[in-house]
Protein backbone atom coordinates (compact mmCIF):
# COMPACT_ATOMS: atom_id res chain seq x y z
CA MET A 1 12.82 -16.01 -13.22
CA PRO A 2 11.92 -16.06 -9.53
CA ARG A 3 8.34 -15.54 -8.37
CA PHE A 4 7.64 -13.02 -5.62
CA PHE A 5 4.48 -12.63 -3.55
CA PHE A 6 3.16 -9.26 -2.37
CA ASP A 7 1.06 -9.17 0.80
CA ILE A 8 -0.68 -5.90 1.65
CA ARG A 9 -2.02 -4.78 5.03
CA ASP A 10 -4.07 -1.60 4.95
CA GLY A 11 -5.54 -0.98 8.38
CA CYS A 12 -7.78 -3.94 9.16
CA ARG A 13 -7.64 -5.32 5.61
CA HIS A 14 -5.08 -8.00 4.81
CA THR A 15 -4.57 -9.23 1.27
CA LEU A 16 -2.35 -12.28 0.80
CA ASP A 17 -0.95 -12.73 -2.70
CA GLU A 18 -1.58 -16.34 -3.69
CA GLU A 19 -0.47 -16.06 -7.33
CA GLY A 20 2.79 -14.14 -7.18
CA THR A 21 4.60 -12.28 -9.93
CA GLU A 22 7.69 -13.28 -11.85
CA LEU A 23 10.36 -10.60 -11.68
CA ALA A 24 14.05 -10.47 -12.53
CA ASP A 25 15.28 -10.27 -8.93
CA LEU A 26 14.57 -9.03 -5.41
CA GLN A 27 15.49 -5.45 -6.34
CA ALA A 28 12.78 -5.47 -9.02
CA ALA A 29 10.29 -6.75 -6.43
CA CYS A 30 11.29 -3.98 -4.00
CA ASP A 31 10.92 -1.37 -6.73
CA GLU A 32 7.44 -2.73 -7.53
CA VAL A 33 6.33 -2.41 -3.90
CA LEU A 34 7.65 1.13 -3.59
CA ALA A 35 5.84 2.14 -6.79
CA VAL A 36 2.47 0.71 -5.74
CA LEU A 37 2.26 1.98 -2.13
CA PRO A 38 1.32 5.58 -3.08
CA THR A 39 -1.33 4.24 -5.46
CA ILE A 40 -2.89 2.19 -2.67
CA ALA A 41 -2.80 5.22 -0.36
CA GLY A 42 -4.58 7.32 -2.99
CA THR A 43 -7.50 4.91 -3.34
CA GLU A 44 -9.08 6.24 -0.15
CA ALA A 45 -7.74 9.77 -0.12
CA ARG A 46 -11.04 11.08 1.30
CA SER A 47 -10.59 9.14 4.56
CA ARG A 48 -9.61 11.30 7.47
CA GLY A 49 -7.08 10.47 10.14
CA ALA A 50 -4.04 8.25 10.16
CA ARG A 51 -3.49 5.02 8.31
CA GLU A 52 -0.55 2.77 7.69
CA ILE A 53 -0.10 0.56 4.66
CA VAL A 54 2.41 -2.27 4.92
CA ALA A 55 3.60 -4.30 1.94
CA THR A 56 5.64 -7.45 2.44
CA VAL A 57 7.49 -9.27 -0.33
CA ARG A 58 7.72 -13.03 0.16
CA SER A 59 9.77 -15.65 -1.66
CA GLU A 60 8.27 -18.69 -3.38
CA GLY A 61 8.98 -20.60 -0.17
CA GLY A 62 6.99 -18.06 1.87
CA ALA A 63 9.93 -16.36 3.60
CA PRO A 64 9.56 -12.58 4.05
CA LEU A 65 12.30 -10.78 2.10
CA PHE A 66 11.39 -7.09 2.20
CA ARG A 67 8.85 -4.87 3.95
CA ALA A 68 7.84 -1.29 3.23
CA ARG A 69 5.52 0.90 5.31
CA LEU A 70 3.74 4.05 4.24
CA SER A 71 2.02 6.23 6.85
CA VAL A 72 -0.56 8.77 5.75
CA THR A 73 -2.20 11.32 8.03
CA THR A 74 -4.92 13.61 6.73
CA GLU A 75 -6.88 16.36 8.45
CA LEU A 76 -9.18 19.21 7.58
CA ILE A 77 -7.99 22.53 8.94
CA GLY A 78 -10.56 25.10 10.04
CA ALA A 79 -14.22 25.12 9.00
CA PRO A 80 -14.22 24.05 5.36
CA ASP A 81 -16.65 25.38 2.78
CA PRO A 82 -19.03 22.45 2.03
CA ALA A 83 -18.87 23.30 -1.68
CA ALA A 84 -15.10 22.75 -1.62
CA LEU A 85 -15.74 19.20 -0.40
CA GLY A 86 -18.30 18.46 -3.09
CA GLY A 87 -21.27 19.00 -0.78
CA SER A 88 -24.04 21.57 -0.96
């Protein structure tokens, strides 16, 4: 089975996959990336503003094979009730 490497860029943070993951084929690697992007976006759901998360699938030889981007923009509308945000 081929090994694929998943590099993630989330704003200023870059994570290079040095171990890789064995998957059946490139389509399985693409599916994996598309499944994990929303999870990554949800890890900092309280951040405000815009952010872009980019995931790149690389081959064992290091060649980029697939790239997916997820853009998330969040904003508070109006004057929120502090209690609704978990404050006092």
